[in-house]
Amino acid sequence: MSQQIKVERKIQFVGDANQEANVEGNFLTKRACRVDWFDQKALDETNGYTITVDGTGDTVAVSGGGVIGVTMTTGSGDNEVEYFAPTPLVFDISQNPAIEAKIQITDVSGTVVFFGFSDAITETSPNSTIDYADGTLAAAATDAVGFVIDGDKSSSAVYCASIATGGSVAATAAAPSTVWTDAQAKVLRVELDSSGNARFYIDGVQVGYKATAVTDVPLCAIINAGNREAAANTVYVRYLAKFQDIP
């Protein structure tokens, strides 16, 4: 009998295995693995989440109404940014962390979004973890790495960005080139190794790599959503998957 089964793509349950219990024995992963579907009654800001809103009409709340996920509604003033940290500072590059989220943007050209790791669970509006405000790349965080979609830079492009120890901010366009259209949802994934190198994935395809993207400091998962016009916009986060070695 084989002591190890290797799967390169996926495990698919069919027939009876898809309608009844399909794992026998004590199933236990060697890495910490969790998916937050945001399907609870409300977001617990005391024990679970950090939310910072700053503007007119900004909200971050579970979607509800038959839809799982979180709805981030920006304020109606230009350049108002809100921050949603679904985790505390629980990640460290020594444990090779990875995070993934499915994100939908209703108006790409009128919105700024950051998704990734950061050394800060919040920032102060209008500063984003990393963004392209007025077309200029900048970071409020000292250590951060993730995706930037910013209407001030492009109406449809996606960028892989990072900053380490408060140094220079770096960003490259996702390659192969990625076009994000209005109301489209994409699965974004950021993986870090123990050297702080980052790999970026969109819908399962690697689109970027950055050596020494961040340093060895505590990190959280964070999502920024803001507007680039004098009107409210909406960003949906359908789930957040989190992975990390167990020290």
C-alpha atoms as a PDB file:
ATOM      1  CA  MET A   1       0.000   0.000   0.000  1.00  0.00           C
ATOM      2  CA  SER A   2       1.311   3.462  -0.900  1.00  0.00           C
ATOM      3  CA  GLN A   3       2.252   5.628   2.066  1.00  0.00           C
ATOM      4  CA  GLN A   4       1.774   8.848   0.112  1.00  0.00           C
ATOM      5  CA  ILE A   5      -0.626  10.103  -2.545  1.00  0.00           C
ATOM      6  CA  LYS A   6       0.438  13.066  -4.663  1.00  0.00           C
ATOM      7  CA  VAL A   7      -2.172  15.137  -6.522  1.00  0.00           C
ATOM      8  CA  GLU A   8      -1.141  17.753  -9.094  1.00  0.00           C
ATOM      9  CA  ARG A   9      -4.558  19.292  -9.761  1.00  0.00           C
ATOM     10  CA  LYS A  10      -7.521  18.346  -7.543  1.00  0.00           C
ATOM     11  CA  ILE A  11      -9.430  15.619  -5.734  1.00  0.00           C
ATOM     12  CA  GLN A  12     -12.964  15.187  -7.079  1.00  0.00           C
ATOM     13  CA  PHE A  13     -15.696  13.314  -5.214  1.00  0.00           C
ATOM     14  CA  VAL A  14     -18.384  11.744  -7.408  1.00  0.00           C
ATOM     15  CA  GLY A  15     -21.299   9.372  -6.910  1.00  0.00           C
ATOM     16  CA  ASP A  16     -21.944   8.338  -3.324  1.00  0.00           C
ATOM     17  CA  ALA A  17     -18.752  10.077  -2.222  1.00  0.00           C
ATOM     18  CA  ASN A  18     -20.359  13.386  -3.165  1.00  0.00           C
ATOM     19  CA  GLN A  19     -23.486  12.783  -1.065  1.00  0.00           C
ATOM     20  CA  GLU A  20     -22.122  11.323   2.172  1.00  0.00           C
ATOM     21  CA  ALA A  21     -19.157  11.434   4.518  1.00  0.00           C
ATOM     22  CA  ASN A  22     -16.085  10.808   2.391  1.00  0.00           C
ATOM     23  CA  VAL A  23     -13.097  10.852   4.770  1.00  0.00           C
ATOM     24  CA  GLU A  24     -12.585   7.983   7.191  1.00  0.00           C
ATOM     25  CA  GLY A  25     -10.162   8.459  10.063  1.00  0.00           C
ATOM     26  CA  ASN A  26      -8.634  11.536  11.673  1.00  0.00           C
ATOM     27  CA  PHE A  27      -8.067  14.090   8.923  1.00  0.00           C
ATOM     28  CA  LEU A  28      -5.360  16.565  10.016  1.00  0.00           C
ATOM     29  CA  THR A  29      -3.361  19.077   7.951  1.00  0.00           C
ATOM     30  CA  LYS A  30       0.307  19.818   8.659  1.00  0.00           C
ATOM     31  CA  ARG A  31      -0.247  23.487   7.818  1.00  0.00           C
ATOM     32  CA  ALA A  32      -2.769  25.821   9.385  1.00  0.00           C
ATOM     33  CA  CYS A  33      -5.589  26.062   6.825  1.00  0.00           C
ATOM     34  CA  ARG A  34      -8.779  28.057   7.216  1.00  0.00           C
ATOM     35  CA  VAL A  35     -11.382  29.650   4.983  1.00  0.00           C
ATOM     36  CA  ASP A  36     -13.452  32.567   6.256  1.00  0.00           C
ATOM     37  CA  TRP A  37     -16.707  32.638   4.275  1.00  0.00           C
ATOM     38  CA  PHE A  38     -18.022  35.695   6.140  1.00  0.00           C
ATOM     39  CA  ASP A  39     -21.351  33.932   6.590  1.00  0.00           C
ATOM     40  CA  GLN A  40     -21.984  35.002  10.175  1.00  0.00           C
ATOM     41  CA  LYS A  41     -24.657  37.440  11.339  1.00  0.00           C
ATOM     42  CA  ALA A  42     -22.232  40.339  11.705  1.00  0.00           C
ATOM     43  CA  LEU A  43     -18.500  41.093  11.741  1.00  0.00           C
ATOM     44  CA  ASP A  44     -17.168  40.870  15.304  1.00  0.00           C
ATOM     45  CA  GLU A  45     -14.889  43.894  15.667  1.00  0.00           C
ATOM     46  CA  THR A  46     -14.085  43.034  19.297  1.00  0.00           C
ATOM     47  CA  ASN A  47     -12.645  39.574  18.815  1.00  0.00           C
ATOM     48  CA  GLY A  48     -12.255  38.970  15.101  1.00  0.00           C
ATOM     49  CA  TYR A  49     -11.896  41.866  12.693  1.00  0.00           C
ATOM     50  CA  THR A  50     -10.425  45.363  12.496  1.00  0.00           C
ATOM     51  CA  ILE A  51     -12.515  47.834  10.485  1.00  0.00           C
ATOM     52  CA  THR A  52     -11.685  51.497   9.919  1.00  0.00           C
ATOM     53  CA  VAL A  53     -14.058  53.719   7.958  1.00  0.00           C
ATOM     54  CA  ASP A  54     -13.473  57.399   7.345  1.00  0.00           C
ATOM     55  CA  GLY A  55     -15.857  59.304   5.157  1.00  0.00           C
ATOM     56  CA  THR A  56     -19.453  59.911   4.231  1.00  0.00           C
ATOM     57  CA  GLY A  57     -21.435  56.690   4.090  1.00  0.00           C
ATOM     58  CA  ASP A  58     -18.496  54.257   4.330  1.00  0.00           C
ATOM     59  CA  THR A  59     -19.522  50.778   5.492  1.00  0.00           C
ATOM     60  CA  VAL A  60     -17.941  47.329   5.860  1.00  0.00           C
ATOM     61  CA  ALA A  61     -20.466  44.580   6.653  1.00  0.00           C
ATOM     62  CA  VAL A  62     -21.461  41.018   5.844  1.00  0.00           C
ATOM     63  CA  SER A  63     -23.284  40.929   2.523  1.00  0.00           C
ATOM     64  CA  GLY A  64     -26.337  38.894   3.626  1.00  0.00           C
ATOM     65  CA  GLY A  65     -29.437  38.668   1.494  1.00  0.00           C
ATOM     66  CA  GLY A  66     -28.593  35.197   0.268  1.00  0.00           C
ATOM     67  CA  VAL A  67     -24.987  36.091  -0.605  1.00  0.00           C
ATOM     68  CA  ILE A  68     -21.889  35.145   1.407  1.00  0.00           C
ATOM     69  CA  GLY A  69     -19.017  37.580   1.824  1.00  0.00           C
ATOM     70  CA  VAL A  70     -18.295  41.127   2.915  1.00  0.00           C
ATOM     71  CA  THR A  71     -19.560  44.254   1.191  1.00  0.00           C
ATOM     72  CA  MET A  72     -17.258  47.285   1.352  1.00  0.00           C
ATOM     73  CA  THR A  73     -19.074  50.477   0.370  1.00  0.00           C
ATOM     74  CA  THR A  74     -16.842  53.506  -0.043  1.00  0.00           C
ATOM     75  CA  GLY A  75     -17.693  57.044   0.943  1.00  0.00           C
ATOM     76  CA  SER A  76     -19.064  59.592  -1.493  1.00  0.00           C
ATOM     77  CA  GLY A  77     -16.055  61.923  -1.277  1.00  0.00           C
ATOM     78  CA  ASP A  78     -13.102  61.564  -3.638  1.00  0.00           C
ATOM     79  CA  ASN A  79     -10.133  59.609  -2.205  1.00  0.00           C
ATOM     80  CA  GLU A  80     -11.921  58.301   0.877  1.00  0.00           C
ATOM     81  CA  VAL A  81     -10.420  54.919   1.840  1.00  0.00           C
ATOM     82  CA  GLU A  82     -11.619  52.255   4.286  1.00  0.00           C
ATOM     83  CA  TYR A  83      -9.679  49.346   5.751  1.00  0.00           C
ATOM     84  CA  PHE A  84     -10.692  45.786   6.570  1.00  0.00           C
ATOM     85  CA  ALA A  85      -8.229  43.491   8.356  1.00  0.00           C
ATOM     86  CA  PRO A  86      -9.809  40.016   8.636  1.00  0.00           C
ATOM     87  CA  THR A  87      -6.875  38.818  10.774  1.00  0.00           C
ATOM     88  CA  PRO A  88      -4.624  40.248  13.481  1.00  0.00           C
ATOM     89  CA  LEU A  89      -0.827  40.232  13.053  1.00  0.00           C
ATOM     90  CA  VAL A  90      -0.618  36.429  12.976  1.00  0.00           C
ATOM     91  CA  PHE A  91       1.525  35.821   9.878  1.00  0.00           C
ATOM     92  CA  ASP A  92       5.315  35.608   9.681  1.00  0.00           C
ATOM     93  CA  ILE A  93       7.531  34.813   6.702  1.00  0.00           C
ATOM     94  CA  SER A  94       9.286  32.094   8.727  1.00  0.00           C
ATOM     95  CA  GLN A  95       6.003  30.111   8.466  1.00  0.00           C
ATOM     96  CA  ASN A  96       5.611  30.556   4.667  1.00  0.00           C
ATOM     97  CA  PRO A  97       2.152  32.181   4.787  1.00  0.00           C
ATOM     98  CA  ALA A  98      -0.319  32.483   1.922  1.00  0.00           C
ATOM     99  CA  ILE A  99      -3.652  34.278   1.593  1.00  0.00           C
ATOM    100  CA  GLU A 100      -6.308  34.152  -1.095  1.00  0.00           C
ATOM    101  CA  ALA A 101      -9.518  36.090  -1.659  1.00  0.00           C
ATOM    102  CA  LYS A 102     -12.182  36.350  -4.319  1.00  0.00           C
ATOM    103  CA  ILE A 103     -12.798  40.050  -4.901  1.00  0.00           C
ATOM    104  CA  GLN A 104     -15.396  41.776  -7.072  1.00  0.00           C
ATOM    105  CA  ILE A 105     -15.117  45.462  -8.030  1.00  0.00           C
ATOM    106  CA  THR A 106     -18.195  47.188  -9.407  1.00  0.00           C
ATOM    107  CA  ASP A 107     -16.460  50.258 -10.887  1.00  0.00           C
ATOM    108  CA  VAL A 108     -12.751  49.680 -11.535  1.00  0.00           C
ATOM    109  CA  SER A 109     -11.870  53.127 -12.880  1.00  0.00           C
ATOM    110  CA  GLY A 110     -13.555  54.826  -9.912  1.00  0.00           C
ATOM    111  CA  THR A 111     -12.027  52.660  -7.175  1.00  0.00           C
ATOM    112  CA  VAL A 112      -8.756  51.844  -5.416  1.00  0.00           C
ATOM    113  CA  VAL A 113      -8.253  48.369  -3.917  1.00  0.00           C
ATOM    114  CA  PHE A 114      -5.317  46.796  -2.085  1.00  0.00           C
ATOM    115  CA  PHE A 115      -5.270  43.138  -1.059  1.00  0.00           C
ATOM    116  CA  GLY A 116      -2.317  41.495   0.625  1.00  0.00           C
ATOM    117  CA  PHE A 117      -0.129  41.360   3.713  1.00  0.00           C
ATOM    118  CA  SER A 118       0.745  44.372   5.867  1.00  0.00           C
ATOM    119  CA  ASP A 119       2.530  45.169   9.118  1.00  0.00           C
ATOM    120  CA  ALA A 120      -0.392  47.438  10.118  1.00  0.00           C
ATOM    121  CA  ILE A 121      -4.012  46.432  10.677  1.00  0.00           C
ATOM    122  CA  THR A 122      -5.223  49.881   9.623  1.00  0.00           C
ATOM    123  CA  GLU A 123      -4.080  53.161   8.132  1.00  0.00           C
ATOM    124  CA  THR A 124      -5.488  56.693   8.063  1.00  0.00           C
ATOM    125  CA  SER A 125      -7.574  57.801   5.069  1.00  0.00           C
ATOM    126  CA  PRO A 126      -6.745  58.836   2.381  1.00  0.00           C
ATOM    127  CA  ASN A 127      -3.509  56.832   2.702  1.00  0.00           C
ATOM    128  CA  SER A 128      -3.664  53.230   1.503  1.00  0.00           C
ATOM    129  CA  THR A 129      -1.435  50.345   2.497  1.00  0.00           C
ATOM    130  CA  ILE A 130      -0.037  50.736  -1.042  1.00  0.00           C
ATOM    131  CA  ASP A 131      -1.685  52.712  -3.835  1.00  0.00           C
ATOM    132  CA  TYR A 132      -1.231  54.907  -6.905  1.00  0.00           C
ATOM    133  CA  ALA A 133      -2.982  58.057  -5.638  1.00  0.00           C
ATOM    134  CA  ASP A 134      -2.850  60.735  -8.352  1.00  0.00           C
ATOM    135  CA  GLY A 135      -0.786  58.290 -10.416  1.00  0.00           C
ATOM    136  CA  THR A 136       2.116  58.176  -7.950  1.00  0.00           C
ATOM    137  CA  LEU A 137       3.092  54.916  -6.243  1.00  0.00           C
ATOM    138  CA  ALA A 138       3.172  55.295  -2.446  1.00  0.00           C
ATOM    139  CA  ALA A 139       2.796  53.244   0.730  1.00  0.00           C
ATOM    140  CA  ALA A 140       1.519  54.038   4.195  1.00  0.00           C
ATOM    141  CA  ALA A 141       2.759  50.686   5.520  1.00  0.00           C
ATOM    142  CA  THR A 142       6.380  49.973   6.429  1.00  0.00           C
ATOM    143  CA  ASP A 143       6.255  46.339   5.289  1.00  0.00           C
ATOM    144  CA  ALA A 144       3.523  45.239   2.877  1.00  0.00           C
ATOM    145  CA  VAL A 145       3.019  43.179  -0.247  1.00  0.00           C
ATOM    146  CA  GLY A 146      -0.039  42.612  -2.404  1.00  0.00           C
ATOM    147  CA  PHE A 147      -2.183  43.601  -5.340  1.00  0.00           C
ATOM    148  CA  VAL A 148      -3.027  47.203  -6.243  1.00  0.00           C
ATOM    149  CA  ILE A 149      -5.926  48.121  -8.508  1.00  0.00           C
ATOM    150  CA  ASP A 150      -6.197  51.910  -8.676  1.00  0.00           C
ATOM    151  CA  GLY A 151      -8.291  54.062 -10.973  1.00  0.00           C
ATOM    152  CA  ASP A 152      -5.804  56.898 -10.544  1.00  0.00           C
ATOM    153  CA  LYS A 153      -3.218  54.755 -12.367  1.00  0.00           C
ATOM    154  CA  SER A 154      -5.287  52.686 -14.786  1.00  0.00           C
ATOM    155  CA  SER A 155      -8.927  51.965 -15.544  1.00  0.00           C
ATOM    156  CA  SER A 156      -8.326  48.202 -15.703  1.00  0.00           C
ATOM    157  CA  ALA A 157      -4.739  47.128 -14.851  1.00  0.00           C
ATOM    158  CA  VAL A 158      -3.541  45.097 -11.862  1.00  0.00           C
ATOM    159  CA  TYR A 159      -0.190  45.682 -10.156  1.00  0.00           C
ATOM    160  CA  CYS A 160       1.965  43.528  -7.879  1.00  0.00           C
ATOM    161  CA  ALA A 161       3.414  45.851  -5.254  1.00  0.00           C
ATOM    162  CA  SER A 162       5.593  45.741  -2.153  1.00  0.00           C
ATOM    163  CA  ILE A 163       7.568  47.742   0.382  1.00  0.00           C
ATOM    164  CA  ALA A 164      10.150  46.460   2.880  1.00  0.00           C
ATOM    165  CA  THR A 165      11.385  48.263   6.012  1.00  0.00           C
ATOM    166  CA  GLY A 166       9.961  51.570   4.864  1.00  0.00           C
ATOM    167  CA  GLY A 167      12.224  51.658   1.799  1.00  0.00           C
ATOM    168  CA  SER A 168      11.303  52.314  -1.804  1.00  0.00           C
ATOM    169  CA  VAL A 169       7.928  51.088  -2.986  1.00  0.00           C
ATOM    170  CA  ALA A 170       8.071  48.731  -5.960  1.00  0.00           C
ATOM    171  CA  ALA A 171       5.334  47.672  -8.359  1.00  0.00           C
ATOM    172  CA  THR A 172       5.086  45.822 -11.653  1.00  0.00           C
ATOM    173  CA  ALA A 173       2.085  45.166 -13.849  1.00  0.00           C
ATOM    174  CA  ALA A 174       0.672  41.658 -13.555  1.00  0.00           C
ATOM    175  CA  ALA A 175       2.115  39.473 -16.316  1.00  0.00           C
ATOM    176  CA  PRO A 176       0.540  38.038 -18.333  1.00  0.00           C
ATOM    177  CA  SER A 177      -1.372  41.299 -18.621  1.00  0.00           C
ATOM    178  CA  THR A 178      -4.605  41.269 -16.653  1.00  0.00           C
ATOM    179  CA  VAL A 179      -7.623  43.415 -17.505  1.00  0.00           C
ATOM    180  CA  TRP A 180     -10.143  43.921 -14.697  1.00  0.00           C
ATOM    181  CA  THR A 181     -13.524  44.979 -16.045  1.00  0.00           C
ATOM    182  CA  ASP A 182     -16.432  46.483 -14.124  1.00  0.00           C
ATOM    183  CA  ALA A 183     -18.405  44.043 -11.925  1.00  0.00           C
ATOM    184  CA  GLN A 184     -15.842  41.294 -12.567  1.00  0.00           C
ATOM    185  CA  ALA A 185     -14.600  39.018  -9.772  1.00  0.00           C
ATOM    186  CA  LYS A 186     -11.081  37.608  -9.586  1.00  0.00           C
ATOM    187  CA  VAL A 187      -9.311  35.237  -7.202  1.00  0.00           C
ATOM    188  CA  LEU A 188      -6.170  36.918  -5.856  1.00  0.00           C
ATOM    189  CA  ARG A 189      -3.457  34.983  -4.008  1.00  0.00           C
ATOM    190  CA  VAL A 190      -0.198  36.125  -2.381  1.00  0.00           C
ATOM    191  CA  GLU A 191       2.367  33.592  -1.159  1.00  0.00           C
ATOM    192  CA  LEU A 192       5.457  34.367   0.927  1.00  0.00           C
ATOM    193  CA  ASP A 193       8.437  32.135   1.600  1.00  0.00           C
ATOM    194  CA  SER A 194      10.831  32.245   4.536  1.00  0.00           C
ATOM    195  CA  SER A 195      13.099  34.734   2.735  1.00  0.00           C
ATOM    196  CA  GLY A 196      10.247  37.183   2.240  1.00  0.00           C
ATOM    197  CA  ASN A 197      10.009  36.476  -1.491  1.00  0.00           C
ATOM    198  CA  ALA A 198       6.497  36.940  -2.860  1.00  0.00           C
ATOM    199  CA  ARG A 199       4.564  35.155  -5.570  1.00  0.00           C
ATOM    200  CA  PHE A 200       1.358  36.618  -6.971  1.00  0.00           C
ATOM    201  CA  TYR A 201      -1.481  34.638  -8.559  1.00  0.00           C
ATOM    202  CA  ILE A 202      -4.707  35.662 -10.317  1.00  0.00           C
ATOM    203  CA  ASP A 203      -7.301  32.960 -10.944  1.00  0.00           C
ATOM    204  CA  GLY A 204      -4.664  30.291 -10.331  1.00  0.00           C
ATOM    205  CA  VAL A 205      -2.050  31.697 -12.743  1.00  0.00           C
ATOM    206  CA  GLN A 206       1.209  33.196 -11.459  1.00  0.00           C
ATOM    207  CA  VAL A 207       1.412  36.827 -12.585  1.00  0.00           C
ATOM    208  CA  GLY A 208       4.280  38.199 -10.528  1.00  0.00           C
ATOM    209  CA  TYR A 209       7.326  37.577  -8.341  1.00  0.00           C
ATOM    210  CA  LYS A 210       9.194  39.929  -6.027  1.00  0.00           C
ATOM    211  CA  ALA A 211      12.395  38.957  -4.215  1.00  0.00           C
ATOM    212  CA  THR A 212      12.628  40.076  -0.579  1.00  0.00           C
ATOM    213  CA  ALA A 213       9.244  41.762  -0.803  1.00  0.00           C
ATOM    214  CA  VAL A 214       8.919  42.097   2.994  1.00  0.00           C
ATOM    215  CA  THR A 215      11.088  41.508   6.035  1.00  0.00           C
ATOM    216  CA  ASP A 216      10.628  39.256   9.069  1.00  0.00           C
ATOM    217  CA  VAL A 217       7.934  41.200  10.939  1.00  0.00           C
ATOM    218  CA  PRO A 218       4.415  40.224  12.095  1.00  0.00           C
ATOM    219  CA  LEU A 219       1.898  40.632   9.276  1.00  0.00           C
ATOM    220  CA  CYS A 220      -1.872  40.630   8.851  1.00  0.00           C
ATOM    221  CA  ALA A 221      -4.159  40.139   5.875  1.00  0.00           C
ATOM    222  CA  ILE A 222      -5.715  43.451   4.851  1.00  0.00           C
ATOM    223  CA  ILE A 223      -8.057  44.844   2.218  1.00  0.00           C
ATOM    224  CA  ASN A 224      -8.351  48.538   1.377  1.00  0.00           C
ATOM    225  CA  ALA A 225     -11.241  49.933  -0.653  1.00  0.00           C
ATOM    226  CA  GLY A 226     -11.603  53.564  -1.632  1.00  0.00           C
ATOM    227  CA  ASN A 227     -13.010  55.729  -4.360  1.00  0.00           C
ATOM    228  CA  ARG A 228     -11.367  57.783  -7.083  1.00  0.00           C
ATOM    229  CA  GLU A 229     -14.405  59.912  -7.830  1.00  0.00           C
ATOM    230  CA  ALA A 230     -17.006  61.878  -5.918  1.00  0.00           C
ATOM    231  CA  ALA A 231     -19.412  58.952  -5.725  1.00  0.00           C
ATOM    232  CA  ALA A 232     -19.699  55.814  -3.621  1.00  0.00           C
ATOM    233  CA  ASN A 233     -18.486  52.504  -5.044  1.00  0.00           C
ATOM    234  CA  THR A 234     -18.740  48.891  -3.895  1.00  0.00           C
ATOM    235  CA  VAL A 235     -16.186  46.104  -3.462  1.00  0.00           C
ATOM    236  CA  TYR A 236     -17.187  42.556  -2.502  1.00  0.00           C
ATOM    237  CA  VAL A 237     -14.925  40.081  -0.715  1.00  0.00           C
ATOM    238  CA  ARG A 238     -16.468  36.631  -1.176  1.00  0.00           C
ATOM    239  CA  TYR A 239     -14.051  34.690   1.051  1.00  0.00           C
ATOM    240  CA  LEU A 240     -10.570  34.750   2.571  1.00  0.00           C
ATOM    241  CA  ALA A 241      -8.400  31.613   2.660  1.00  0.00           C
ATOM    242  CA  LYS A 242      -5.393  31.560   5.012  1.00  0.00           C
ATOM    243  CA  PHE A 243      -2.458  29.143   5.128  1.00  0.00           C
ATOM    244  CA  GLN A 244       0.662  29.005   7.272  1.00  0.00           C
ATOM    245  CA  ASP A 245       3.134  26.488   8.689  1.00  0.00           C
ATOM    246  CA  ILE A 246       2.573  25.556  12.316  1.00  0.00           C
ATOM    247  CA  PRO A 247       5.712  26.498  14.289  1.00  0.00           C
END
